[in-house]
Every structure is written in C-alpha cells, then in structure tokens.
Amino acid sequence: MFLVFACFAPLTAWAQATPVKDGLVGAWAFVSVVSQSDDGTRAEPFGASPRGIIIFSSDGRFSLFQSSTNVSRIATNDRA
C-alpha cells in the first residue's frame, strides 16, 4: 500500500532548469491524502478534508504533520 499526497503548489511558474529539490523547499499544506492497495482499492485515510503540513528544508530533511478533521476524542480509546 502506498500513500499519495497532493499539496498546494505555488502558482508562479519556475524555469525548467530549476532542480526539483530547490522547488520543494518550504512549507506545503495538504489538499488530499489517498492510499491505494495492490488490488487498486483506494481510500482516504484522513477523510475528504485532511489537515496537515509538510516542511522540506534545503538540507534534505522534512517534517510532516497530518490529521483528520473529525478525529475522535482520545478518551474514546479509538486512536484511528
């Protein structure tokens, strides 16, 4: 199973000569998170409107936070 993350992209066009690494540096907000299993079944593990941010640094490191907008309270003992 793998996840596909779609993020808001800057609306400014950058030259084709710009390395992808340089174009990714910064903070990005999630607009979609989709998982697809080997049999082609697709799911949205964080719901239709996920919340999250991913930050890429110029040295190749990243930080990711993702969540669903309708997470149950921890008191319910349901971590999903």
Protein backbone atom coordinates (compact mmCIF):
# COMPACT_ATOMS: atom_id res chain seq x y z
CA MET A 1 0.00 0.00 0.00
CA PHE A 2 1.25 3.48 -0.72
CA LEU A 3 0.01 6.99 0.01
CA VAL A 4 -0.27 9.85 -2.42
CA PHE A 5 -0.09 13.39 -1.02
CA ALA A 6 -1.31 16.32 -3.05
CA CYS A 7 -0.25 19.74 -1.85
CA PHE A 8 -0.95 23.34 -2.76
CA ALA A 9 1.66 24.34 -5.27
CA PRO A 10 2.88 27.87 -5.79
CA LEU A 11 1.12 29.47 -8.73
CA THR A 12 4.29 31.03 -10.06
CA ALA A 13 5.99 29.06 -12.79
CA TRP A 14 9.66 28.35 -12.28
CA ALA A 15 12.11 27.64 -15.06
CA GLN A 16 12.60 24.05 -16.19
CA ALA A 17 16.28 24.40 -15.29
CA THR A 18 15.41 24.74 -11.57
CA PRO A 19 16.14 21.44 -9.79
CA VAL A 20 13.06 19.83 -8.22
CA LYS A 21 14.86 19.81 -4.86
CA ASP A 22 15.06 23.61 -4.89
CA GLY A 23 11.39 23.93 -5.84
CA LEU A 24 10.22 21.80 -2.90
CA VAL A 25 11.97 23.71 -0.12
CA GLY A 26 9.39 25.39 2.14
CA ALA A 27 6.07 24.59 3.81
CA TRP A 28 3.18 22.93 1.97
CA ALA A 29 -0.45 22.39 3.06
CA PHE A 30 -2.33 19.16 2.30
CA VAL A 31 -5.31 19.16 0.00
CA SER A 32 -5.64 15.38 -0.36
CA VAL A 33 -4.28 12.12 1.06
CA VAL A 34 -5.17 8.94 -0.86
CA SER A 35 -3.99 5.38 -0.24
CA GLN A 36 -4.15 2.67 -2.86
CA SER A 37 -3.68 -1.05 -2.18
CA ASP A 38 -2.15 -3.56 -4.58
CA ASP A 39 -5.61 -4.59 -5.83
CA GLY A 40 -6.39 -0.97 -6.79
CA THR A 41 -8.72 -0.20 -3.86
CA ARG A 42 -8.45 3.48 -2.98
CA ALA A 43 -9.22 5.11 0.37
CA GLU A 44 -8.85 8.47 2.09
CA PRO A 45 -7.33 7.54 5.48
CA PHE A 46 -7.61 11.11 6.81
CA GLY A 47 -11.07 11.81 5.34
CA ALA A 48 -12.19 14.02 2.48
CA SER A 49 -10.68 17.17 4.02
CA PRO A 50 -7.40 16.27 5.72
CA ARG A 51 -5.45 18.82 7.72
CA GLY A 52 -1.70 18.87 7.61
CA ILE A 53 1.54 20.46 6.64
CA ILE A 54 4.84 19.14 5.31
CA ILE A 55 8.02 21.17 5.53
CA PHE A 56 11.06 20.48 3.33
CA SER A 57 14.43 22.01 4.25
CA SER A 58 17.29 22.71 1.87
CA ASP A 59 19.48 20.06 3.53
CA GLY A 60 17.09 17.24 2.53
CA ARG A 61 15.19 16.89 5.82
CA PHE A 62 11.45 17.11 6.20
CA SER A 63 8.79 17.32 8.90
CA LEU A 64 5.24 16.09 8.46
CA PHE A 65 2.04 16.59 10.46
CA GLN A 66 -1.23 15.14 9.23
CA SER A 67 -4.63 14.66 10.77
CA SER A 68 -8.29 14.17 10.02
CA THR A 69 -10.77 16.96 10.66
CA ASN A 70 -13.08 14.55 12.51
CA VAL A 71 -10.75 12.74 14.93
CA SER A 72 -12.48 11.17 17.92
CA ARG A 73 -11.51 12.34 21.37
CA ILE A 74 -8.67 10.34 22.92
CA ALA A 75 -10.98 9.43 25.81
CA THR A 76 -12.83 7.05 23.45
CA ASN A 77 -9.73 4.82 23.25
CA ASP A 78 -10.04 4.85 19.44
CA ARG A 79 -6.72 6.06 18.05
CA ALA A 80 -8.00 5.86 14.44
